[in-house]
Protein backbone atom coordinates (compact mmCIF):
# COMPACT_ATOMS: atom_id res chain seq x y z
CA MET A 1 0.00 0.00 0.00
CA SER A 2 1.36 3.39 -1.00
CA ASN A 3 1.82 6.32 1.35
CA SER A 4 -1.04 8.30 -0.28
CA GLU A 5 -3.44 5.32 0.04
CA SER A 6 -2.55 5.06 3.73
CA LYS A 7 -3.25 8.77 4.30
CA THR A 8 -6.58 8.55 2.44
CA ARG A 9 -7.59 5.53 4.54
CA GLU A 10 -6.64 7.42 7.76
CA LYS A 11 -8.72 10.45 6.70
CA SER A 12 -11.66 8.18 5.86
CA THR A 13 -11.43 6.44 9.24
CA GLY A 14 -11.16 9.79 11.03
CA LEU A 15 -14.24 11.09 9.23
CA LYS A 16 -16.20 7.95 10.12
CA ASP A 17 -15.19 8.33 13.76
CA ALA A 18 -16.28 11.98 13.78
CA VAL A 19 -19.64 11.08 12.23
CA MET A 20 -20.16 8.33 14.83
CA VAL A 21 -19.41 10.74 17.67
CA LEU A 22 -21.93 13.24 16.25
CA VAL A 23 -24.57 10.50 15.92
CA VAL A 24 -24.03 9.43 19.54
CA ILE A 25 -24.29 13.06 20.73
CA ALA A 26 -27.51 13.53 18.72
CA ILE A 27 -29.01 10.39 20.28
CA ILE A 28 -28.08 11.50 23.80
CA LEU A 29 -29.50 15.00 23.26
CA SER A 30 -32.72 13.58 21.81
CA ALA A 31 -33.14 11.21 24.74
CA THR A 32 -32.47 13.98 27.26
CA THR A 33 -34.91 16.35 25.57
CA THR A 34 -37.58 13.64 25.46
CA TYR A 35 -37.03 12.85 29.14
CA TYR A 36 -37.37 16.49 30.26
CA TYR A 37 -40.40 17.06 28.05
CA TYR A 38 -42.05 13.98 29.57
CA GLU A 39 -41.23 15.15 33.12
CA TYR A 40 -42.54 18.67 32.38
CA SER A 41 -45.74 17.24 30.88
CA SER A 42 -46.20 14.87 33.83
CA LEU A 43 -45.75 17.68 36.35
CA ARG A 44 -48.19 19.89 34.50
CA ALA A 45 -50.75 17.05 34.29
CA SER A 46 -50.37 16.25 38.01
CA LEU A 47 -51.20 19.87 38.87
CA LYS A 48 -54.38 20.02 36.75
CA GLY A 49 -57.50 20.35 38.86
CA THR A 50 -55.57 21.79 41.79
CA SER A 51 -54.98 25.35 42.84
CA VAL A 52 -51.76 26.92 44.04
CA ARG A 53 -51.02 30.04 46.04
CA VAL A 54 -48.34 32.31 44.54
CA SER A 55 -46.89 35.76 45.04
CA LEU A 56 -45.90 37.87 42.04
CA GLY A 57 -43.91 41.03 42.41
CA MET A 58 -42.97 43.86 40.08
CA GLU A 59 -40.12 46.31 40.67
CA ILE A 60 -39.43 49.38 38.54
CA GLY A 61 -35.86 50.63 39.02
CA ALA A 62 -35.02 51.08 42.69
CA GLY A 63 -38.66 51.50 43.70
CA PRO A 64 -40.53 49.23 46.09
CA ILE A 65 -41.82 45.86 44.88
CA ALA A 66 -45.58 45.86 44.22
CA TRP A 67 -46.93 42.42 45.18
CA SER A 68 -49.91 40.42 43.91
CA ASN A 69 -50.77 37.47 46.16
CA MET A 70 -53.17 35.13 44.43
CA THR A 71 -54.54 31.65 43.94
CA ILE A 72 -54.23 30.27 40.42
CA PRO A 73 -55.03 26.96 38.74
CA GLY A 74 -52.34 24.32 39.21
CA GLY A 75 -50.16 23.88 36.14
CA SER A 76 -50.23 27.60 35.33
CA SER A 77 -47.15 29.21 33.87
CA LEU A 78 -45.63 32.44 35.08
CA LEU A 79 -47.03 34.18 31.98
CA GLN A 80 -50.55 32.88 32.71
CA ALA A 81 -50.32 34.10 36.31
CA MET A 82 -49.23 37.55 35.16
CA GLN A 83 -52.24 37.69 32.86
CA ASP A 84 -54.52 36.42 35.67
CA ALA A 85 -53.19 39.27 37.84
CA GLN A 86 -54.45 41.66 35.12
CA TRP A 87 -50.96 42.82 34.23
CA LYS A 88 -50.76 44.23 30.70
CA VAL A 89 -48.09 41.93 29.31
CA ASN A 90 -46.47 41.99 25.87
CA PHE A 91 -44.04 39.35 24.77
CA THR A 92 -42.13 38.04 21.80
CA ASN A 93 -42.38 34.36 20.94
CA TYR A 94 -39.09 32.75 20.00
CA GLY A 95 -40.53 29.37 18.97
CA PRO A 96 -39.11 26.54 21.04
CA GLU A 97 -37.28 29.03 23.27
CA GLY A 98 -40.63 30.39 24.48
CA ASP A 99 -42.29 33.73 25.20
CA PHE A 100 -39.97 36.45 26.44
CA ILE A 101 -41.49 39.50 28.12
CA THR A 102 -41.01 42.81 26.30
CA SER A 103 -43.27 45.03 28.41
CA ILE A 104 -45.36 44.98 31.57
CA ASN A 105 -47.97 47.64 32.28
CA GLY A 106 -46.45 49.96 29.68
CA TRP A 107 -42.83 49.64 30.82
CA ARG A 108 -41.15 48.48 27.61
CA ALA A 109 -37.70 46.94 27.32
CA THR A 110 -35.47 48.85 24.90
CA THR A 111 -32.01 48.25 23.54
CA ALA A 112 -31.49 52.02 23.19
CA ASN A 113 -31.60 52.43 26.99
CA ASP A 114 -30.23 48.97 27.84
CA THR A 115 -33.34 48.28 29.89
CA GLY A 116 -35.33 45.12 30.21
CA TRP A 117 -37.35 42.74 32.31
CA LEU A 118 -35.83 39.90 34.32
CA TYR A 119 -37.60 37.65 36.77
CA TRP A 120 -36.22 36.30 40.00
CA GLN A 121 -37.48 33.31 41.97
CA PHE A 122 -37.21 33.38 45.76
CA ILE A 123 -35.39 30.30 47.02
CA GLY A 124 -35.04 31.28 50.70
CA GLY A 125 -32.21 32.02 53.05
CA THR A 126 -30.58 35.25 54.13
CA SER A 127 -28.01 35.62 51.36
CA ASP A 128 -28.25 34.63 47.70
CA CYS A 129 -31.95 34.10 48.33
CA TRP A 130 -33.04 34.80 44.73
CA THR A 131 -32.20 32.97 41.53
CA MET A 132 -32.58 34.52 38.10
CA GLY A 133 -35.18 32.96 35.80
CA GLN A 134 -33.69 30.35 33.50
CA VAL A 135 -36.58 29.76 31.10
CA ALA A 136 -39.18 31.81 29.26
CA ALA A 137 -42.23 33.01 31.19
CA ASN A 138 -44.58 30.57 29.46
CA ALA A 139 -42.31 27.61 30.33
CA PHE A 140 -41.90 28.37 34.05
CA LEU A 141 -44.51 26.41 36.02
CA LEU A 142 -45.56 27.90 39.33
CA LEU A 143 -45.87 25.58 42.30
CA ASN A 144 -47.67 26.18 45.58
CA GLY A 145 -45.83 28.89 47.50
CA SER A 146 -43.86 30.20 44.51
CA VAL A 147 -42.57 33.74 44.97
CA VAL A 148 -41.43 35.47 41.78
CA THR A 149 -40.65 39.10 41.14
CA TRP A 150 -40.03 40.94 37.88
CA SER A 151 -37.38 43.63 37.81
CA PHE A 152 -37.29 46.41 35.20
CA SER A 153 -33.88 48.04 35.15
CA LYS A 154 -30.73 48.77 33.21
CA TYR A 155 -28.47 45.83 32.47
CA ASN A 156 -25.18 45.73 34.31
CA ALA A 157 -22.32 46.21 31.82
CA THR A 158 -20.18 43.60 33.61
CA THR A 159 -22.62 40.80 34.40
CA GLY A 160 -25.30 41.55 31.81
CA ALA A 161 -28.01 41.29 34.44
CA ALA A 162 -29.62 43.61 36.93
CA PRO A 163 -28.90 42.75 40.57
CA PRO A 164 -31.45 40.58 42.40
CA PRO A 165 -33.90 42.05 44.91
CA PRO A 166 -32.62 42.27 48.48
CA CYS A 167 -33.07 39.29 50.77
């Protein structure tokens, strides 16, 4: 076998290996996505017919948080609860990524002013007691006792996010 045939065979084997790795990654990602979708659907179905008590807050700049304490149907998303609270909510749908809030009660996020809406979920404790929302408002299911507040403020140039509410 010549040197060029050997190099061609090595390239062919390397390409096959790369394709196999990509196929395995695709299978793992598909299985993981299916699992989480099933779990999400199961949780939502288990909450149907129940009611949950939640607290929603809204903070504009450094002002005080205005709270809405309410009972909503189990399986409701954060977006549904905001609408149930009679908040005037506008959002942009990004397909599988979900519905991202663009304005609440007339306070509109703008790139010109580097302002926007972020939500924070209360997780308890005396320090680091809030965690920033990780999914779109229509994908976040509220459970009994959920405490969530929306913050409208300028983005921090270093972290990209506004600071959480105080504990």
